Amino acid sequence: MMAITATKARENIYQLMQDVNANCSPVTITNSKGKNAVLIGEEDWKAIEETLYLMAIPGMTESIMDGGNIPLEGCLSETEVDW
């Protein structure tokens, strides 16, 4: 993960935001006066939130893992699902 000082981040914030979103690569913003921070793109943050939400549901992680182990031949097609 790339690291940049808060001063440099402030000087190049618009380019930094563009790069973070284009590359889906977070950037650590360092600070000599306290804790650091991490800048990530909005889409990446939403994906993290969704993952955290799903992992908080009891049994969901196991269900997803079990579903991932089912061969495609064992899955229902879109026409077989009652939406």
N, C-alpha and C. Protein backbone atom coordinates (compact mmCIF):
# COMPACT_ATOMS: atom_id res chain seq x y z
N MET A 1 0.86 -1.17 0.00
CA MET A 1 0.00 0.00 0.00
C MET A 1 0.90 1.23 0.00
N MET A 2 0.59 2.15 -0.86
CA MET A 2 1.34 3.39 -0.95
C MET A 2 1.08 4.25 0.29
N ALA A 3 2.10 4.97 0.73
CA ALA A 3 1.96 5.90 1.85
C ALA A 3 2.38 7.29 1.39
N ILE A 4 1.70 8.28 1.92
CA ILE A 4 1.97 9.68 1.56
C ILE A 4 1.73 10.53 2.80
N THR A 5 2.51 11.58 2.95
CA THR A 5 2.32 12.46 4.11
C THR A 5 1.02 13.25 3.95
N ALA A 6 0.50 13.73 5.06
CA ALA A 6 -0.72 14.53 5.03
C ALA A 6 -0.49 15.81 4.21
N THR A 7 0.68 16.37 4.30
CA THR A 7 0.99 17.59 3.54
C THR A 7 0.93 17.32 2.04
N LYS A 8 1.57 16.23 1.60
CA LYS A 8 1.55 15.87 0.17
C LYS A 8 0.13 15.51 -0.27
N ALA A 9 -0.62 14.82 0.59
CA ALA A 9 -2.00 14.47 0.24
C ALA A 9 -2.84 15.72 0.04
N ARG A 10 -2.65 16.69 0.90
CA ARG A 10 -3.40 17.95 0.81
C ARG A 10 -3.05 18.69 -0.49
N GLU A 11 -1.79 18.65 -0.87
CA GLU A 11 -1.35 19.33 -2.10
C GLU A 11 -1.94 18.69 -3.36
N ASN A 12 -2.18 17.37 -3.30
CA ASN A 12 -2.60 16.62 -4.49
C ASN A 12 -3.90 15.85 -4.26
N ILE A 13 -4.79 16.38 -3.46
CA ILE A 13 -5.97 15.61 -3.04
C ILE A 13 -6.83 15.15 -4.22
N TYR A 14 -7.04 16.00 -5.21
CA TYR A 14 -7.90 15.62 -6.33
C TYR A 14 -7.28 14.49 -7.16
N GLN A 15 -5.99 14.59 -7.42
CA GLN A 15 -5.30 13.53 -8.16
C GLN A 15 -5.24 12.26 -7.32
N LEU A 16 -5.03 12.40 -6.03
CA LEU A 16 -4.98 11.25 -5.14
C LEU A 16 -6.32 10.51 -5.12
N MET A 17 -7.40 11.27 -5.06
CA MET A 17 -8.74 10.66 -5.09
C MET A 17 -8.97 9.93 -6.41
N GLN A 18 -8.56 10.56 -7.51
CA GLN A 18 -8.72 9.94 -8.82
C GLN A 18 -7.92 8.64 -8.90
N ASP A 19 -6.68 8.65 -8.42
CA ASP A 19 -5.83 7.47 -8.47
C ASP A 19 -6.38 6.33 -7.61
N VAL A 20 -6.85 6.67 -6.42
CA VAL A 20 -7.40 5.65 -5.52
C VAL A 20 -8.61 4.97 -6.15
N ASN A 21 -9.45 5.75 -6.78
CA ASN A 21 -10.64 5.17 -7.43
C ASN A 21 -10.28 4.40 -8.69
N ALA A 22 -9.36 4.90 -9.48
CA ALA A 22 -9.00 4.23 -10.73
C ALA A 22 -8.26 2.92 -10.49
N ASN A 23 -7.39 2.89 -9.47
CA ASN A 23 -6.55 1.72 -9.23
C ASN A 23 -7.11 0.77 -8.18
N CYS A 24 -8.18 1.17 -7.51
CA CYS A 24 -8.73 0.36 -6.41
C CYS A 24 -7.64 0.00 -5.42
N SER A 25 -6.75 0.94 -5.17
CA SER A 25 -5.62 0.71 -4.28
C SER A 25 -5.63 1.78 -3.19
N PRO A 26 -5.79 1.37 -1.93
CA PRO A 26 -5.83 2.35 -0.85
C PRO A 26 -4.48 3.04 -0.66
N VAL A 27 -4.52 4.22 -0.03
CA VAL A 27 -3.32 5.00 0.25
C VAL A 27 -3.32 5.35 1.73
N THR A 28 -2.21 5.08 2.40
CA THR A 28 -2.07 5.48 3.79
C THR A 28 -1.60 6.93 3.83
N ILE A 29 -2.30 7.73 4.60
CA ILE A 29 -1.91 9.14 4.79
C ILE A 29 -1.28 9.22 6.17
N THR A 30 0.01 9.54 6.18
CA THR A 30 0.75 9.53 7.44
C THR A 30 0.71 10.90 8.10
N ASN A 31 0.84 10.87 9.42
CA ASN A 31 0.72 12.08 10.22
C ASN A 31 1.71 11.96 11.37
N SER A 32 2.57 12.93 11.53
CA SER A 32 3.55 12.89 12.62
C SER A 32 2.95 13.31 13.96
N LYS A 33 1.71 13.80 13.96
CA LYS A 33 1.09 14.29 15.19
C LYS A 33 0.03 13.35 15.76
N GLY A 34 -0.06 12.15 15.24
CA GLY A 34 -1.07 11.23 15.74
C GLY A 34 -1.16 10.02 14.85
N LYS A 35 -2.32 9.41 14.83
CA LYS A 35 -2.52 8.20 14.04
C LYS A 35 -2.66 8.50 12.56
N ASN A 36 -2.30 7.52 11.74
CA ASN A 36 -2.44 7.64 10.30
C ASN A 36 -3.88 7.37 9.89
N ALA A 37 -4.17 7.60 8.62
CA ALA A 37 -5.49 7.31 8.05
C ALA A 37 -5.29 6.61 6.72
N VAL A 38 -6.36 5.98 6.23
CA VAL A 38 -6.31 5.30 4.94
C VAL A 38 -7.40 5.87 4.05
N LEU A 39 -7.01 6.24 2.83
CA LEU A 39 -7.96 6.75 1.84
C LEU A 39 -8.28 5.61 0.88
N ILE A 40 -9.57 5.32 0.75
CA ILE A 40 -10.01 4.29 -0.20
C ILE A 40 -11.14 4.86 -1.04
N GLY A 41 -11.37 4.26 -2.20
CA GLY A 41 -12.45 4.71 -3.07
C GLY A 41 -13.81 4.37 -2.48
N GLU A 42 -14.81 5.12 -2.89
CA GLU A 42 -16.16 4.92 -2.36
C GLU A 42 -16.70 3.54 -2.69
N GLU A 43 -16.49 3.06 -3.92
CA GLU A 43 -16.97 1.73 -4.29
C GLU A 43 -16.31 0.66 -3.46
N ASP A 44 -15.01 0.82 -3.20
CA ASP A 44 -14.30 -0.15 -2.35
C ASP A 44 -14.87 -0.13 -0.94
N TRP A 45 -15.15 1.05 -0.41
CA TRP A 45 -15.71 1.16 0.93
C TRP A 45 -17.09 0.48 1.00
N LYS A 46 -17.91 0.70 -0.01
CA LYS A 46 -19.23 0.06 -0.03
C LYS A 46 -19.10 -1.45 -0.06
N ALA A 47 -18.12 -1.97 -0.79
CA ALA A 47 -17.89 -3.42 -0.84
C ALA A 47 -17.46 -3.94 0.53
N ILE A 48 -16.63 -3.18 1.22
CA ILE A 48 -16.19 -3.57 2.57
C ILE A 48 -17.38 -3.58 3.52
N GLU A 49 -18.21 -2.54 3.45
CA GLU A 49 -19.40 -2.48 4.31
C GLU A 49 -20.32 -3.67 4.07
N GLU A 50 -20.54 -4.01 2.79
CA GLU A 50 -21.40 -5.13 2.46
C GLU A 50 -20.83 -6.44 3.00
N THR A 51 -19.53 -6.61 2.86
CA THR A 51 -18.88 -7.82 3.38
C THR A 51 -19.02 -7.91 4.89
N LEU A 52 -18.79 -6.81 5.58
CA LEU A 52 -18.94 -6.80 7.03
C LEU A 52 -20.37 -7.11 7.46
N TYR A 53 -21.33 -6.55 6.73
CA TYR A 53 -22.74 -6.81 7.03
C TYR A 53 -23.06 -8.30 6.86
N LEU A 54 -22.65 -8.87 5.74
CA LEU A 54 -22.95 -10.27 5.48
C LEU A 54 -22.25 -11.18 6.49
N MET A 55 -21.04 -10.85 6.87
CA MET A 55 -20.31 -11.67 7.83
C MET A 55 -20.92 -11.59 9.22
N ALA A 56 -21.68 -10.54 9.50
CA ALA A 56 -22.31 -10.38 10.81
C ALA A 56 -23.57 -11.23 10.95
N ILE A 57 -24.10 -11.73 9.84
CA ILE A 57 -25.30 -12.57 9.89
C ILE A 57 -24.87 -13.99 10.25
N PRO A 58 -25.40 -14.53 11.36
CA PRO A 58 -24.99 -15.87 11.77
C PRO A 58 -25.23 -16.90 10.67
N GLY A 59 -24.20 -17.68 10.36
CA GLY A 59 -24.29 -18.75 9.37
C GLY A 59 -24.12 -18.30 7.93
N MET A 60 -24.06 -17.00 7.67
CA MET A 60 -23.99 -16.51 6.29
C MET A 60 -22.66 -16.89 5.64
N THR A 61 -21.56 -16.74 6.35
CA THR A 61 -20.26 -17.08 5.77
C THR A 61 -20.22 -18.53 5.35
N GLU A 62 -20.70 -19.41 6.22
CA GLU A 62 -20.72 -20.84 5.91
C GLU A 62 -21.62 -21.13 4.72
N SER A 63 -22.76 -20.44 4.66
CA SER A 63 -23.70 -20.65 3.56
C SER A 63 -23.07 -20.23 2.23
N ILE A 64 -22.37 -19.12 2.23
CA ILE A 64 -21.71 -18.64 1.01
C ILE A 64 -20.61 -19.62 0.60
N MET A 65 -19.84 -20.07 1.58
CA MET A 65 -18.77 -21.04 1.28
C MET A 65 -19.35 -22.34 0.74
N ASP A 66 -20.44 -22.82 1.35
CA ASP A 66 -21.09 -24.05 0.87
C ASP A 66 -21.60 -23.86 -0.56
N GLY A 67 -22.22 -22.72 -0.83
CA GLY A 67 -22.74 -22.44 -2.17
C GLY A 67 -21.65 -22.38 -3.21
N GLY A 68 -20.49 -21.89 -2.82
CA GLY A 68 -19.36 -21.82 -3.74
C GLY A 68 -18.80 -23.18 -4.11
N ASN A 69 -19.12 -24.18 -3.31
CA ASN A 69 -18.62 -25.53 -3.57
C ASN A 69 -19.58 -26.38 -4.39
N ILE A 70 -20.74 -25.83 -4.73
CA ILE A 70 -21.72 -26.57 -5.55
C ILE A 70 -21.34 -26.43 -7.01
N PRO A 71 -21.22 -27.54 -7.74
CA PRO A 71 -20.90 -27.44 -9.17
C PRO A 71 -22.03 -26.73 -9.92
N LEU A 72 -21.71 -26.08 -11.01
CA LEU A 72 -22.71 -25.33 -11.77
C LEU A 72 -23.88 -26.22 -12.19
N GLU A 73 -23.59 -27.48 -12.47
CA GLU A 73 -24.67 -28.38 -12.87
C GLU A 73 -25.70 -28.56 -11.75
N GLY A 74 -25.30 -28.33 -10.51
CA GLY A 74 -26.20 -28.49 -9.37
C GLY A 74 -26.95 -27.22 -9.01
N CYS A 75 -26.70 -26.15 -9.72
CA CYS A 75 -27.35 -24.87 -9.43
C CYS A 75 -28.63 -24.70 -10.25
N LEU A 76 -29.53 -23.89 -9.73
CA LEU A 76 -30.76 -23.58 -10.46
C LEU A 76 -30.47 -22.53 -11.53
N SER A 77 -31.18 -22.61 -12.64
CA SER A 77 -31.07 -21.56 -13.65
C SER A 77 -32.00 -20.42 -13.28
N GLU A 78 -31.87 -19.29 -13.94
CA GLU A 78 -32.73 -18.13 -13.65
C GLU A 78 -34.19 -18.44 -13.88
N THR A 79 -34.50 -19.31 -14.83
CA THR A 79 -35.90 -19.62 -15.11
C THR A 79 -36.50 -20.54 -14.07
N GLU A 80 -35.67 -21.22 -13.30
CA GLU A 80 -36.15 -22.14 -12.27
C GLU A 80 -36.39 -21.46 -10.94
N VAL A 81 -35.96 -20.20 -10.80
CA VAL A 81 -36.11 -19.48 -9.55
C VAL A 81 -37.41 -18.71 -9.59
N ASP A 82 -38.19 -18.81 -8.50
CA ASP A 82 -39.44 -18.08 -8.41
C ASP A 82 -39.16 -16.72 -7.78
N TRP A 83 -39.01 -15.71 -8.64
CA TRP A 83 -38.69 -14.36 -8.15
C TRP A 83 -39.95 -13.73 -7.63
